[in-house]
Each structure stands twice: as structure tokens, then as C-alpha cells.
């Protein structure tokens, strides 16, 4: 079955940086558009970045210019480089499929907590 394992979260001060990783297995990784989603307490899960199979990227306005999504098909891993982090970026971050098919409810992993606080 498909397994997605997110890692790289942590506690960081405002203005700091983190790099998240999502290792995928059980799926033909290179065929899919992948996305990073986040969910803050009391909020709906939102898509913050996506990368297509050809490498095209899109970002939510709230993270544009600060977050960079990338993928390594040979490692079946998708990354999210985050800089200039703000307290409003505090959330649990997840990866999942994206694009036309959207996220698959059966694929959600445990996520990785990002906390931005001084």
C-alpha cells in the first residue's frame, strides 16, 4: 500500500528555516503531481505548494517567495524548503498527491509539526 512519511519539522524562531522531506513508497512516484499541505489548529487543511511530474510548481499566496517545493524521483521524495518562517506558518505539514486528482484520503501520513515561535 501507499506510505508517505514526512520528516524535518521542529521548533524554529521567526525568520528561521526548515527543510521538510516526504518519502513515498508503494506508488509510481514519478507519474504524480505532489503537494505539501498544512493544517493549523482549528483550521482546514490547505495546499501550500505543488509540483507536477514535469517539475512545474505552484504556491499559495501566503508562502510565495518563501517556500520552495522540489522532488527527487530517484529517491521518491518530495521536499519543502521553508525560509523566513512566521508564526502563522505553525501547523502540521503533510504531503499527498495534488493536481487534478487532489489528495487521496487513504494516503495521509502522520505529518510533521512545524512550530514557529520565539
Protein backbone atom coordinates (compact mmCIF):
# COMPACT_ATOMS: atom_id res chain seq x y z
CA UNK A 1 0.00 0.00 0.00
CA UNK A 2 1.00 3.64 -0.36
CA UNK A 3 3.00 5.03 2.52
CA UNK A 4 4.04 8.66 2.94
CA UNK A 5 6.49 9.55 5.69
CA UNK A 6 7.07 13.21 6.46
CA UNK A 7 10.05 14.46 8.44
CA UNK A 8 12.09 17.57 9.14
CA UNK A 9 9.74 19.61 11.26
CA UNK A 10 10.63 21.24 14.53
CA UNK A 11 10.66 24.40 16.60
CA UNK A 12 12.20 27.42 14.93
CA UNK A 13 12.33 31.12 15.69
CA UNK A 14 10.61 33.66 13.44
CA UNK A 15 12.78 34.28 10.40
CA UNK A 16 14.26 30.81 10.59
CA UNK A 17 14.34 28.00 8.05
CA UNK A 18 13.42 24.35 7.81
CA UNK A 19 13.51 21.70 5.12
CA UNK A 20 10.79 19.10 5.11
CA UNK A 21 11.02 15.73 3.39
CA UNK A 22 8.35 13.28 2.36
CA UNK A 23 9.40 9.78 1.38
CA UNK A 24 6.85 7.86 -0.67
CA UNK A 25 6.56 4.14 -1.25
CA UNK A 26 4.06 1.81 -2.87
CA UNK A 27 3.28 4.20 -5.73
CA UNK A 28 4.78 5.08 -9.11
CA UNK A 29 6.06 8.36 -7.73
CA UNK A 30 7.25 9.98 -10.93
CA UNK A 31 3.80 9.93 -12.56
CA UNK A 32 2.12 12.14 -9.98
CA UNK A 33 1.78 15.76 -9.02
CA UNK A 34 2.75 16.05 -5.36
CA UNK A 35 1.76 18.67 -2.86
CA UNK A 36 2.56 19.88 0.60
CA UNK A 37 -0.45 20.62 2.76
CA UNK A 38 -0.70 22.07 6.23
CA UNK A 39 -3.27 22.20 8.96
CA UNK A 40 -3.15 24.62 11.85
CA UNK A 41 -5.31 24.07 14.95
CA UNK A 42 -8.91 24.99 14.23
CA UNK A 43 -8.26 25.41 10.50
CA UNK A 44 -8.95 23.32 7.45
CA UNK A 45 -6.08 21.55 5.76
CA UNK A 46 -4.74 23.72 2.95
CA UNK A 47 -2.46 23.13 -0.01
CA UNK A 48 0.61 25.34 0.19
CA UNK A 49 2.75 24.06 -2.69
CA UNK A 50 2.57 21.57 -5.53
CA UNK A 51 4.96 20.19 -8.12
CA UNK A 52 3.94 18.39 -11.29
CA UNK A 53 5.58 15.35 -12.83
CA UNK A 54 7.44 17.71 -15.18
CA UNK A 55 8.63 19.93 -12.34
CA UNK A 56 6.26 22.88 -12.65
CA UNK A 57 5.46 24.44 -9.30
CA UNK A 58 2.62 26.43 -7.78
CA UNK A 59 2.33 28.08 -4.39
CA UNK A 60 -0.29 29.54 -2.12
CA UNK A 61 -0.03 33.32 -1.94
CA UNK A 62 0.80 33.12 1.75
CA UNK A 63 4.06 31.23 1.11
CA UNK A 64 5.10 32.51 -2.31
CA UNK A 65 8.69 33.66 -2.31
CA UNK A 66 9.43 31.91 0.99
CA UNK A 67 8.74 28.22 0.30
CA UNK A 68 10.25 26.08 -2.45
CA UNK A 69 8.95 22.64 -3.37
CA UNK A 70 11.15 20.15 -5.16
CA UNK A 71 11.21 16.46 -5.94
CA UNK A 72 13.73 13.69 -6.47
CA UNK A 73 12.14 10.90 -8.48
CA UNK A 74 15.13 8.63 -7.94
CA UNK A 75 14.55 8.84 -4.19
CA UNK A 76 10.74 9.01 -4.46
CA UNK A 77 10.91 12.03 -2.17
CA UNK A 78 9.38 15.47 -2.26
CA UNK A 79 10.88 18.38 -0.31
CA UNK A 80 9.70 21.70 1.03
CA UNK A 81 12.35 24.30 1.75
CA UNK A 82 10.94 27.00 4.01
CA UNK A 83 12.67 30.28 4.78
CA UNK A 84 11.61 33.45 6.58
CA UNK A 85 9.23 31.41 8.68
CA UNK A 86 6.49 33.25 10.54
CA UNK A 87 4.30 32.25 13.48
CA UNK A 88 1.40 31.93 11.04
CA UNK A 89 3.29 29.05 9.39
CA UNK A 90 2.84 26.97 12.54
CA UNK A 91 0.96 23.82 11.55
CA UNK A 92 1.26 20.12 10.92
CA UNK A 93 2.62 19.64 7.41
CA UNK A 94 1.65 16.71 5.21
CA UNK A 95 2.41 15.56 1.71
CA UNK A 96 -0.04 13.89 -0.64
CA UNK A 97 -0.94 13.75 -4.28
CA UNK A 98 -2.17 17.02 -5.79
CA UNK A 99 -3.18 18.50 -9.11
CA UNK A 100 -6.34 17.33 -10.87
CA UNK A 101 -6.77 14.26 -8.69
CA UNK A 102 -6.19 16.15 -5.47
CA UNK A 103 -5.17 14.43 -2.26
CA UNK A 104 -6.03 10.79 -1.68
CA UNK A 105 -7.65 10.32 1.71
CA UNK A 106 -6.03 6.94 2.05
CA UNK A 107 -2.54 8.34 1.69
CA UNK A 108 -2.29 10.78 4.59
CA UNK A 109 0.72 10.15 6.78
CA UNK A 110 1.39 11.30 10.32
CA UNK A 111 2.64 14.68 9.19
CA UNK A 112 5.45 16.69 10.72
CA UNK A 113 4.90 19.52 13.20
CA UNK A 114 6.34 22.93 12.42
CA UNK A 115 6.24 25.44 15.23
CA UNK A 116 7.46 28.99 14.69
CA UNK A 117 7.85 30.80 17.97
CA UNK A 118 10.29 32.95 19.86
